[in-house]
N, C-alpha and C. Protein backbone atom coordinates (compact mmCIF):
# COMPACT_ATOMS: atom_id res chain seq x y z
N UNK A 1 45.35 46.03 -50.71
CA UNK A 1 46.47 46.36 -49.79
C UNK A 1 47.67 47.16 -49.67
N UNK A 2 48.30 46.65 -50.76
CA UNK A 2 49.70 47.37 -49.90
C UNK A 2 49.89 49.18 -49.80
N UNK A 3 49.12 49.69 -50.35
CA UNK A 3 49.24 51.08 -49.37
C UNK A 3 48.39 50.97 -48.44
N UNK A 4 48.19 50.18 -48.00
CA UNK A 4 48.09 50.49 -46.51
C UNK A 4 48.99 49.95 -45.28
N UNK A 5 50.54 49.67 -46.04
CA UNK A 5 51.85 49.86 -45.37
C UNK A 5 52.43 50.77 -44.85
N UNK A 6 52.96 51.02 -43.98
CA UNK A 6 54.22 52.63 -43.96
C UNK A 6 55.11 51.87 -44.91
N UNK A 7 56.16 53.13 -44.79
CA UNK A 7 57.09 53.39 -45.69
C UNK A 7 57.60 51.67 -44.66
N UNK A 8 57.84 51.70 -43.56
CA UNK A 8 58.76 50.81 -42.94
C UNK A 8 58.60 49.15 -43.12
N UNK A 9 57.59 48.75 -42.89
CA UNK A 9 56.42 47.81 -44.12
C UNK A 9 56.91 47.05 -45.84
N UNK A 10 56.03 48.53 -46.17
CA UNK A 10 56.51 48.31 -47.98
C UNK A 10 57.74 48.17 -47.45
N UNK A 11 58.98 48.61 -47.21
CA UNK A 11 60.59 48.23 -46.83
C UNK A 11 60.72 46.98 -46.85
N UNK A 12 60.46 47.10 -45.80
CA UNK A 12 60.49 44.82 -45.17
C UNK A 12 59.99 44.52 -46.41
N UNK A 13 58.52 44.23 -46.88
CA UNK A 13 58.55 42.65 -47.79
C UNK A 13 59.15 43.17 -49.58
N UNK A 14 59.52 44.05 -49.16
CA UNK A 14 60.51 44.20 -50.97
C UNK A 14 62.04 43.29 -50.13
N UNK A 15 62.32 43.73 -49.48
CA UNK A 15 63.24 43.06 -48.40
C UNK A 15 63.66 41.70 -48.08
N UNK A 16 61.96 41.06 -48.36
CA UNK A 16 61.69 39.68 -48.02
C UNK A 16 61.93 39.10 -49.30
N UNK A 17 61.71 39.82 -50.17
CA UNK A 17 62.14 39.03 -51.87
C UNK A 17 63.73 39.46 -51.73
N UNK A 18 64.17 40.51 -51.73
CA UNK A 18 65.56 39.77 -52.16
C UNK A 18 66.50 39.40 -50.93
N UNK A 19 66.14 39.48 -50.25
CA UNK A 19 66.80 38.31 -48.51
C UNK A 19 66.06 36.70 -49.52
N UNK A 20 64.70 36.29 -49.92
CA UNK A 20 64.87 34.57 -50.10
C UNK A 20 65.81 34.86 -51.64
N UNK A 21 65.82 35.86 -52.07
CA UNK A 21 66.20 35.48 -52.89
C UNK A 21 68.35 34.86 -52.88
N UNK A 22 68.68 35.81 -52.23
CA UNK A 22 69.79 35.92 -51.90
C UNK A 22 70.20 34.72 -51.03
N UNK A 23 69.23 34.00 -49.94
CA UNK A 23 69.11 32.90 -49.44
C UNK A 23 68.67 31.52 -50.49
N UNK A 24 68.62 31.96 -51.46
CA UNK A 24 69.00 31.04 -52.65
C UNK A 24 67.35 29.61 -52.58
N UNK A 25 66.43 31.03 -52.05
CA UNK A 25 65.20 30.00 -51.77
C UNK A 25 63.86 30.36 -52.96
N UNK A 26 62.74 29.39 -53.90
CA UNK A 26 62.10 29.50 -54.91
C UNK A 26 60.89 30.38 -54.58
N UNK A 27 61.10 30.80 -53.43
CA UNK A 27 59.76 30.90 -52.43
C UNK A 27 59.55 32.18 -52.18
N UNK A 28 59.18 33.42 -51.45
CA UNK A 28 59.61 34.18 -50.22
C UNK A 28 57.91 33.55 -49.22
N UNK A 29 58.25 32.64 -48.20
CA UNK A 29 57.71 32.47 -46.73
C UNK A 29 57.67 33.76 -46.25
N UNK A 30 57.08 33.21 -44.78
CA UNK A 30 56.68 33.83 -43.58
C UNK A 30 58.35 33.83 -43.06
N UNK A 31 58.68 33.34 -43.28
CA UNK A 31 60.41 32.99 -42.73
C UNK A 31 61.30 34.73 -43.03
N UNK A 32 61.24 35.21 -44.29
CA UNK A 32 61.25 36.00 -44.91
C UNK A 32 61.31 37.34 -44.42
N UNK A 33 60.09 37.41 -44.47
CA UNK A 33 59.27 38.76 -44.57
C UNK A 33 59.30 39.23 -43.02
N UNK A 34 59.86 38.22 -42.23
CA UNK A 34 60.26 38.32 -40.75
C UNK A 34 61.83 39.10 -41.34
N UNK A 35 62.55 38.38 -41.71
CA UNK A 35 63.57 39.33 -41.46
C UNK A 35 63.68 40.27 -42.53
N UNK A 36 62.35 40.60 -43.25
CA UNK A 36 62.39 41.69 -43.99
C UNK A 36 62.04 43.45 -42.45
N UNK A 37 61.20 42.03 -41.93
CA UNK A 37 60.62 42.86 -40.66
C UNK A 37 61.28 43.86 -39.82
N UNK A 38 62.56 42.60 -39.65
CA UNK A 38 62.89 42.92 -38.78
C UNK A 38 63.77 43.99 -38.91
N UNK A 39 65.46 43.52 -39.82
CA UNK A 39 66.32 44.45 -40.95
C UNK A 39 64.96 45.59 -40.25
N UNK A 40 64.07 45.86 -40.89
CA UNK A 40 63.25 47.23 -40.97
C UNK A 40 63.10 47.88 -40.13
N UNK A 41 62.73 48.03 -38.88
CA UNK A 41 62.40 47.98 -37.93
C UNK A 41 62.66 49.13 -37.62
N UNK A 42 61.72 50.38 -37.22
CA UNK A 42 61.68 51.29 -36.43
C UNK A 42 62.25 51.84 -35.52
N UNK A 43 62.45 52.15 -34.93
CA UNK A 43 62.88 52.04 -33.43
C UNK A 43 62.94 51.65 -32.16
N UNK A 44 61.74 52.24 -32.42
CA UNK A 44 60.63 51.89 -31.23
C UNK A 44 60.38 50.28 -31.01
N UNK A 45 60.86 49.49 -32.56
CA UNK A 45 59.92 47.80 -32.60
C UNK A 45 61.48 47.26 -32.60
N UNK A 46 62.76 47.86 -33.12
CA UNK A 46 63.59 47.76 -33.13
C UNK A 46 64.64 47.30 -31.75
N UNK A 47 64.03 48.38 -30.19
CA UNK A 47 63.99 47.46 -28.87
C UNK A 47 63.74 46.76 -28.29
N UNK A 48 62.22 46.79 -28.87
CA UNK A 48 61.53 45.68 -28.26
C UNK A 48 62.72 44.44 -29.01
N UNK A 49 62.22 44.07 -29.98
CA UNK A 49 63.28 43.11 -30.48
C UNK A 49 64.54 43.00 -29.58
N UNK A 50 64.55 43.58 -29.54
CA UNK A 50 66.69 43.86 -28.92
C UNK A 50 67.07 43.39 -27.60
N UNK A 51 65.67 43.98 -26.90
CA UNK A 51 65.28 43.13 -25.25
C UNK A 51 65.46 41.45 -25.98
N UNK A 52 64.43 40.97 -26.24
CA UNK A 52 64.23 39.90 -26.45
C UNK A 52 65.75 38.93 -27.86
N UNK A 53 66.70 39.01 -27.65
CA UNK A 53 67.24 39.17 -28.52
C UNK A 53 67.46 38.39 -29.58
N UNK A 54 66.61 39.37 -30.89
CA UNK A 54 65.98 38.98 -31.69
C UNK A 54 66.42 40.43 -32.82
N UNK A 55 67.78 39.68 -33.70
CA UNK A 55 68.06 40.54 -34.97
C UNK A 55 68.25 40.39 -35.74
N UNK A 56 68.45 41.02 -37.08
CA UNK A 56 68.90 40.84 -38.49
C UNK A 56 70.14 39.84 -38.75
N UNK A 57 70.58 39.81 -37.91
CA UNK A 57 72.12 39.26 -38.02
C UNK A 57 71.56 38.15 -37.96
N UNK A 58 70.83 37.87 -36.10
CA UNK A 58 70.73 35.59 -35.96
C UNK A 58 69.22 35.34 -37.30
N UNK A 59 68.57 36.49 -37.36
CA UNK A 59 68.13 35.28 -38.28
C UNK A 59 67.53 35.23 -39.42
N UNK A 60 68.64 35.57 -39.86
CA UNK A 60 69.84 35.53 -41.09
C UNK A 60 70.72 34.07 -40.83
N UNK A 61 71.52 33.87 -39.71
CA UNK A 61 72.38 32.99 -39.61
C UNK A 61 71.03 32.23 -39.51
N UNK A 62 70.05 31.49 -39.09
CA UNK A 62 69.22 31.07 -38.56
C UNK A 62 68.99 30.47 -40.00
N UNK A 63 68.25 31.09 -41.00
CA UNK A 63 67.66 31.04 -42.51
C UNK A 63 69.25 30.26 -42.85
N UNK A 64 69.96 31.17 -43.20
CA UNK A 64 71.36 30.69 -43.74
C UNK A 64 71.48 29.11 -43.11
N UNK A 65 71.65 28.28 -41.71
CA UNK A 65 71.59 27.32 -41.36
C UNK A 65 71.18 25.82 -42.12
N UNK A 66 69.69 26.64 -41.89
CA UNK A 66 68.61 25.73 -42.63
C UNK A 66 68.22 25.62 -43.32
N UNK A 67 69.02 26.66 -44.87
CA UNK A 67 69.77 25.92 -46.38
C UNK A 67 70.59 24.98 -46.09
N UNK A 68 71.18 24.99 -45.51
CA UNK A 68 71.83 24.77 -45.55
C UNK A 68 72.61 22.58 -45.33
N UNK A 69 70.76 22.51 -44.63
CA UNK A 69 71.05 21.17 -43.91
C UNK A 69 70.56 20.90 -45.89
N UNK A 70 70.32 19.40 -45.71
CA UNK A 70 69.64 17.92 -46.43
C UNK A 70 68.58 18.05 -46.74
N UNK A 71 67.63 18.34 -47.84
CA UNK A 71 65.91 18.29 -47.69
C UNK A 71 65.84 17.70 -47.29
N UNK A 72 65.80 16.52 -46.98
CA UNK A 72 65.90 14.50 -46.32
C UNK A 72 66.76 14.35 -45.23
N UNK A 73 66.51 14.50 -44.15
CA UNK A 73 67.86 13.74 -43.17
C UNK A 73 67.70 12.98 -42.61
N UNK A 74 68.17 12.62 -41.62
CA UNK A 74 68.10 11.40 -40.26
C UNK A 74 66.80 10.62 -39.79
N UNK A 75 66.11 11.88 -39.69
CA UNK A 75 64.71 12.44 -39.19
C UNK A 75 63.48 12.16 -40.18
N UNK A 76 63.74 12.37 -41.16
CA UNK A 76 62.93 11.95 -41.92
C UNK A 76 63.25 10.76 -42.85
N UNK A 77 64.10 9.84 -42.78
CA UNK A 77 64.05 9.20 -43.60
C UNK A 77 63.81 7.48 -41.86
N UNK A 78 64.00 8.06 -40.98
CA UNK A 78 63.23 7.25 -40.23
C UNK A 78 62.14 7.47 -39.76
N UNK A 79 61.38 8.82 -39.98
CA UNK A 79 59.34 8.69 -39.94
C UNK A 79 59.08 7.87 -40.98
N UNK A 80 60.01 7.98 -42.21
CA UNK A 80 59.32 7.40 -43.56
C UNK A 80 58.96 6.21 -43.55
N UNK A 81 60.77 4.93 -43.40
CA UNK A 81 61.05 3.59 -42.69
C UNK A 81 59.62 3.46 -41.98
N UNK A 82 58.90 4.43 -40.60
CA UNK A 82 57.74 3.56 -40.17
C UNK A 82 56.81 3.45 -40.49
N UNK A 83 57.00 3.86 -41.95
CA UNK A 83 55.04 3.80 -42.64
C UNK A 83 55.53 3.02 -43.77
N UNK A 84 57.46 1.69 -43.42
CA UNK A 84 57.38 0.99 -44.86
C UNK A 84 57.98 1.51 -45.76
N UNK A 85 58.71 2.54 -45.98
CA UNK A 85 59.42 3.85 -47.33
C UNK A 85 60.95 3.10 -46.98
N UNK A 86 62.04 2.78 -47.18
CA UNK A 86 63.29 2.47 -46.91
C UNK A 86 63.81 4.35 -47.66
N UNK A 87 64.14 4.75 -47.68
CA UNK A 87 64.79 6.66 -47.52
C UNK A 87 66.37 6.01 -48.73
N UNK A 88 67.04 5.30 -48.41
CA UNK A 88 68.20 4.96 -48.81
C UNK A 88 67.93 4.00 -49.87
N UNK A 89 66.84 3.22 -49.73
CA UNK A 89 66.33 2.42 -50.80
C UNK A 89 65.72 2.88 -52.53
N UNK A 90 64.79 3.90 -52.10
CA UNK A 90 64.11 4.93 -52.98
C UNK A 90 65.61 6.09 -54.04
N UNK A 91 67.00 6.82 -52.68
CA UNK A 91 67.71 7.28 -53.52
C UNK A 91 68.77 6.08 -54.17
N UNK A 92 69.21 4.56 -54.12
CA UNK A 92 69.92 3.92 -54.96
C UNK A 92 69.33 4.03 -56.09
N UNK A 93 67.58 3.79 -56.69
CA UNK A 93 67.05 3.45 -57.24
C UNK A 93 67.09 4.71 -57.95
N UNK A 94 66.93 6.08 -57.97
CA UNK A 94 66.87 7.43 -58.05
C UNK A 94 67.94 7.57 -58.62
N UNK A 95 68.57 7.21 -58.34
CA UNK A 95 70.77 6.90 -58.69
C UNK A 95 70.89 6.33 -60.37
N UNK A 96 69.94 4.84 -59.85
CA UNK A 96 70.49 3.41 -60.85
C UNK A 96 69.56 3.67 -61.89
N UNK A 97 68.79 5.01 -62.18
CA UNK A 97 67.41 4.89 -63.14
C UNK A 97 67.89 6.65 -63.41
N UNK A 98 68.14 7.52 -63.14
CA UNK A 98 68.63 8.68 -63.25
C UNK A 98 69.89 9.38 -63.49
N UNK A 99 70.60 8.50 -63.12
CA UNK A 99 72.31 9.25 -62.64
C UNK A 99 72.17 9.26 -61.18
N UNK A 100 73.86 9.72 -61.28
CA UNK A 100 73.82 9.48 -59.68
C UNK A 100 74.60 10.99 -58.47
N UNK A 101 73.42 11.99 -59.16
CA UNK A 101 73.49 13.75 -59.08
C UNK A 101 71.48 13.95 -59.56
N UNK A 102 70.21 12.92 -59.95
CA UNK A 102 69.71 12.41 -59.39
C UNK A 102 69.65 13.53 -58.22
N UNK A 103 69.59 13.20 -57.89
CA UNK A 103 68.50 13.52 -56.73
C UNK A 103 68.83 15.36 -55.78
N UNK A 104 70.32 15.31 -56.04
CA UNK A 104 70.80 16.40 -55.99
C UNK A 104 69.71 18.10 -56.42
N UNK A 105 69.92 16.54 -58.22
CA UNK A 105 68.68 17.81 -59.06
C UNK A 105 68.08 18.22 -59.21
N UNK A 106 66.82 17.95 -57.81
CA UNK A 106 64.86 16.56 -58.10
C UNK A 106 64.78 17.89 -58.52
N UNK A 107 65.07 18.86 -58.47
CA UNK A 107 63.71 20.04 -57.94
C UNK A 107 64.71 20.54 -58.90
N UNK A 108 63.73 21.10 -60.48
CA UNK A 108 63.63 21.69 -61.79
C UNK A 108 64.31 23.29 -61.79
N UNK A 109 65.52 23.04 -62.09
CA UNK A 109 65.30 25.07 -62.31
C UNK A 109 64.39 25.83 -62.47
N UNK A 110 63.79 27.29 -62.17
CA UNK A 110 62.00 27.69 -62.29
C UNK A 110 62.69 28.83 -64.12
N UNK A 111 61.89 28.15 -65.04
CA UNK A 111 61.29 29.30 -66.31
C UNK A 111 61.66 30.21 -65.97
N UNK A 112 62.46 30.65 -66.81
CA UNK A 112 62.55 32.61 -67.04
C UNK A 112 63.12 32.51 -68.32
N UNK A 113 63.13 34.09 -68.79
CA UNK A 113 63.13 34.64 -69.35
C UNK A 113 64.46 35.00 -69.98
N UNK A 114 65.17 34.75 -70.61
CA UNK A 114 66.61 35.12 -71.46
C UNK A 114 67.73 36.63 -70.39
N UNK A 115 66.59 37.73 -70.42
CA UNK A 115 67.24 38.51 -69.71
C UNK A 115 67.35 38.43 -67.76
N UNK A 116 65.90 38.18 -67.43
CA UNK A 116 65.92 37.97 -66.50
C UNK A 116 67.35 36.49 -66.11
N UNK A 117 67.58 35.90 -66.46
CA UNK A 117 68.79 34.88 -66.65
C UNK A 117 69.58 35.84 -66.29
N UNK A 118 70.02 36.67 -67.28
CA UNK A 118 71.16 37.52 -67.55
C UNK A 118 71.97 38.31 -66.68
N UNK A 119 70.02 38.92 -66.55
CA UNK A 119 70.33 40.18 -65.16
C UNK A 119 70.30 39.46 -63.60
N UNK A 120 69.88 37.97 -63.64
CA UNK A 120 69.22 37.51 -61.97
C UNK A 120 68.58 37.98 -61.47
N UNK A 121 67.51 39.10 -62.52
CA UNK A 121 65.96 39.80 -62.25
C UNK A 121 64.80 38.36 -61.88
N UNK A 122 63.77 39.18 -61.08
CA UNK A 122 62.76 37.78 -61.64
C UNK A 122 62.02 38.22 -60.11
N UNK A 123 60.95 37.90 -60.16
CA UNK A 123 59.93 37.86 -59.36
C UNK A 123 59.55 37.02 -58.37
N UNK A 124 59.73 36.47 -57.93
CA UNK A 124 59.64 35.11 -56.72
C UNK A 124 57.95 35.14 -56.16
N UNK A 125 57.47 33.90 -56.33
CA UNK A 125 56.37 34.65 -55.10
C UNK A 125 55.73 33.93 -54.04
N UNK A 126 55.47 34.60 -53.09
CA UNK A 126 55.11 34.38 -51.94
C UNK A 126 54.09 33.45 -52.13
N UNK A 127 55.36 32.39 -50.56
CA UNK A 127 54.05 31.17 -50.10
C UNK A 127 51.64 31.48 -49.68
N UNK A 128 52.08 30.59 -49.52
CA UNK A 128 50.87 30.12 -49.24
C UNK A 128 49.92 31.17 -47.68
N UNK A 129 51.64 30.94 -47.06
CA UNK A 129 51.68 30.91 -45.69
C UNK A 129 51.86 32.81 -44.98
N UNK A 130 53.07 32.49 -46.50
CA UNK A 130 53.71 34.01 -46.34
C UNK A 130 52.34 35.60 -46.98
N UNK A 131 51.46 34.79 -47.19
CA UNK A 131 50.18 35.88 -48.07
C UNK A 131 49.91 35.50 -47.07
N UNK A 132 48.92 34.91 -45.86
CA UNK A 132 48.30 34.78 -44.60
C UNK A 132 48.31 35.07 -43.12
N UNK A 133 50.06 35.36 -43.35
CA UNK A 133 50.74 35.84 -42.84
C UNK A 133 50.37 37.75 -42.50
N UNK A 134 50.86 38.89 -44.41
CA UNK A 134 50.04 39.69 -44.63
C UNK A 134 48.70 39.71 -44.54
N UNK A 135 47.94 39.06 -44.83
CA UNK A 135 46.72 38.85 -44.17
C UNK A 135 46.28 39.47 -42.48
N UNK A 136 46.98 38.37 -41.97
CA UNK A 136 46.91 38.95 -40.45
C UNK A 136 47.39 39.57 -39.94
N UNK A 137 48.20 40.42 -40.77
CA UNK A 137 49.39 41.74 -40.62
C UNK A 137 47.97 42.77 -40.33
N UNK A 138 47.07 42.88 -41.53
CA UNK A 138 46.03 44.15 -42.20
C UNK A 138 45.40 43.64 -40.53
N UNK A 139 44.71 42.58 -40.60
CA UNK A 139 43.89 42.15 -40.09
C UNK A 139 43.98 42.12 -38.65
N UNK A 140 45.20 42.68 -37.42
CA UNK A 140 46.08 43.01 -37.10
C UNK A 140 45.06 44.61 -36.87
N UNK A 141 46.28 45.35 -37.84
CA UNK A 141 45.96 46.47 -37.57
C UNK A 141 44.40 46.70 -37.45
N UNK A 142 43.59 46.40 -38.70
CA UNK A 142 42.55 46.58 -38.40
C UNK A 142 41.61 46.68 -36.76
N UNK A 143 41.76 44.94 -36.65
CA UNK A 143 41.63 45.16 -35.42
C UNK A 143 41.17 46.44 -34.40
N UNK A 144 43.12 46.60 -34.01
CA UNK A 144 43.32 48.12 -33.36
C UNK A 144 43.02 49.30 -33.97
N UNK A 145 42.48 49.49 -35.53
CA UNK A 145 41.57 50.78 -35.51
C UNK A 145 42.98 51.40 -36.34
N UNK A 146 44.33 51.31 -36.53
CA UNK A 146 44.85 51.39 -36.80
C UNK A 146 44.82 52.29 -38.88
N UNK A 147 45.53 52.98 -39.30
CA UNK A 147 45.50 53.16 -40.28
C UNK A 147 45.95 53.25 -41.37
N UNK A 148 47.20 51.87 -41.23
CA UNK A 148 48.79 52.02 -42.37
C UNK A 148 48.60 50.31 -41.00
N UNK A 149 49.28 49.85 -41.81
CA UNK A 149 50.21 48.30 -41.75
C UNK A 149 51.96 48.44 -41.30
N UNK A 150 51.99 48.59 -40.72
CA UNK A 150 54.13 48.55 -39.43
C UNK A 150 54.20 47.39 -39.98
N UNK A 151 55.73 47.82 -39.43
CA UNK A 151 56.80 46.41 -39.21
C UNK A 151 56.01 45.59 -38.14
N UNK A 152 55.70 46.21 -37.17
CA UNK A 152 54.89 45.64 -36.14
C UNK A 152 53.58 45.17 -36.49
N UNK A 153 53.04 45.11 -37.02
CA UNK A 153 52.06 44.44 -37.54
C UNK A 153 52.08 43.19 -38.47
N UNK A 154 53.87 43.50 -39.41
CA UNK A 154 54.20 42.37 -40.18
C UNK A 154 54.83 41.00 -38.71
N UNK A 155 54.60 41.60 -37.60
CA UNK A 155 55.42 40.46 -36.60
C UNK A 155 54.01 39.93 -36.19
N UNK A 156 53.34 41.32 -35.79
CA UNK A 156 52.27 40.44 -35.32
C UNK A 156 51.71 39.36 -35.79
N UNK A 157 51.02 39.32 -37.37
CA UNK A 157 50.83 38.63 -38.68
C UNK A 157 51.74 37.40 -38.22
N UNK A 158 53.21 37.43 -38.05
CA UNK A 158 54.14 36.37 -38.42
C UNK A 158 53.76 35.31 -37.26
N UNK A 159 53.32 35.77 -36.31
CA UNK A 159 52.49 35.80 -34.18
C UNK A 159 51.91 34.32 -34.66
N UNK A 160 50.85 35.23 -35.61
CA UNK A 160 49.98 34.92 -35.24
C UNK A 160 49.40 33.79 -36.81
N UNK A 161 50.31 34.05 -37.16
CA UNK A 161 50.41 32.97 -37.68
C UNK A 161 51.16 31.66 -37.61
N UNK A 162 51.71 31.54 -36.70
CA UNK A 162 52.90 31.51 -36.74
C UNK A 162 53.66 30.11 -36.86
N UNK A 163 54.44 29.65 -38.29
CA UNK A 163 54.85 28.19 -38.31
C UNK A 163 56.15 28.09 -37.68
N UNK A 164 56.62 26.20 -37.70
CA UNK A 164 57.83 25.95 -36.83
C UNK A 164 58.80 26.52 -37.40
N UNK A 165 59.49 26.74 -38.65
CA UNK A 165 60.11 27.57 -39.22
C UNK A 165 60.03 29.68 -37.92
N UNK A 166 59.51 29.61 -37.91
CA UNK A 166 59.88 30.75 -38.03
C UNK A 166 58.79 31.01 -36.07
N UNK A 167 58.70 30.19 -35.81
CA UNK A 167 59.19 30.29 -34.20
C UNK A 167 59.77 29.09 -33.51
N UNK A 168 60.53 28.45 -34.24
CA UNK A 168 62.10 28.22 -34.13
C UNK A 168 63.27 29.77 -34.16
N UNK A 169 63.28 29.88 -34.76
CA UNK A 169 64.30 31.60 -35.60
C UNK A 169 63.36 32.84 -34.07
N UNK A 170 62.25 32.24 -33.52
CA UNK A 170 61.84 33.24 -32.36
C UNK A 170 62.68 32.89 -31.46
N UNK A 171 62.80 31.83 -30.71
CA UNK A 171 63.02 30.71 -29.94
C UNK A 171 62.43 30.45 -29.45
N UNK A 172 61.86 29.53 -29.92
CA UNK A 172 59.81 29.32 -29.19
C UNK A 172 58.76 29.67 -29.12
N UNK A 173 58.42 28.93 -28.34
CA UNK A 173 55.96 29.34 -28.53
C UNK A 173 56.35 29.95 -27.26
N UNK A 174 57.77 30.25 -26.14
CA UNK A 174 57.36 30.66 -25.41
C UNK A 174 57.45 31.92 -25.94
N UNK A 175 58.91 32.08 -26.31
CA UNK A 175 59.70 33.58 -26.91
C UNK A 175 58.04 34.20 -27.82
N UNK A 176 57.80 33.11 -28.19
CA UNK A 176 57.20 33.89 -29.68
C UNK A 176 55.70 34.32 -28.94
N UNK A 177 55.00 34.00 -27.54
CA UNK A 177 54.12 34.63 -27.11
C UNK A 177 54.57 35.78 -26.02
N UNK A 178 56.29 35.51 -25.72
CA UNK A 178 56.39 37.21 -24.61
C UNK A 178 56.19 38.07 -25.27
N UNK A 179 56.89 37.64 -26.85
CA UNK A 179 56.82 38.96 -27.83
C UNK A 179 55.02 39.76 -28.23
N UNK A 180 54.54 38.74 -28.31
CA UNK A 180 53.85 39.14 -28.52
C UNK A 180 52.87 40.65 -27.66
N UNK A 181 53.03 39.87 -26.30
CA UNK A 181 53.01 40.83 -25.77
C UNK A 181 53.29 41.73 -25.37
N UNK A 182 55.11 42.11 -25.51
CA UNK A 182 55.45 43.31 -25.57
C UNK A 182 55.36 43.94 -27.35
N UNK A 183 54.75 43.20 -27.82
CA UNK A 183 54.37 44.52 -29.24
C UNK A 183 53.21 45.00 -28.93
N UNK A 184 52.52 43.80 -28.44
CA UNK A 184 50.63 44.80 -27.84
C UNK A 184 51.03 46.39 -27.67
N UNK A 185 52.31 45.11 -26.19
CA UNK A 185 52.33 46.97 -25.41
C UNK A 185 53.36 47.40 -26.42
N UNK A 186 53.75 47.76 -27.28
CA UNK A 186 54.51 48.71 -28.13
C UNK A 186 53.82 49.82 -28.16
N UNK A 187 52.45 49.35 -28.80
CA UNK A 187 51.52 49.17 -29.78
C UNK A 187 50.31 50.81 -28.54
N UNK A 188 50.44 50.24 -27.32
CA UNK A 188 49.32 50.75 -26.23
C UNK A 188 50.07 52.27 -26.19
N UNK A 189 51.16 52.62 -26.11
CA UNK A 189 52.34 52.80 -25.48
C UNK A 189 52.13 53.90 -26.28
N UNK A 190 52.41 53.85 -27.99
CA UNK A 190 52.37 54.65 -29.18
C UNK A 190 51.77 55.77 -29.56
N UNK A 191 50.03 54.65 -28.68
CA UNK A 191 48.62 54.62 -28.82
C UNK A 191 48.17 56.51 -29.02
């Protein structure tokens, strides 16, 4: 499938991996593909995105802010309490049994070879939803009878499979619908 990607779409996918690593993610998600697509957009696509206030810096800032949030916050604790689980008691039990910093270290480091550890290299996998995003981009291109998948199709794939994280980064549900319309109009003009 990757051979059907345009140059900027290939760069978007490569950027998604680099951005995910830079942001400390263990997997490449649709939000990283979004960042890659926006940062490698051609001039027409960049104009559509700018008109909607969507920028590389804005998406990166949103991802960075999300990365700074604790894995389980007050809303999560309340949801767990509603089903009879006291998050504070669970955290206290973990600290008592495994040490005071066990909660922060709950996610084990990925095992990598010595050379990869020394160089900071290594491939990180795509999440299932990110893979689905790429598949949906292909379907969008086929549906429109285009021979290659461009960054616009990557964005349409993201929008078609929109998850809460990417929807929030794009400004919410109404913004997603408007962007989809704008992308189709841009592709129609180019055809």
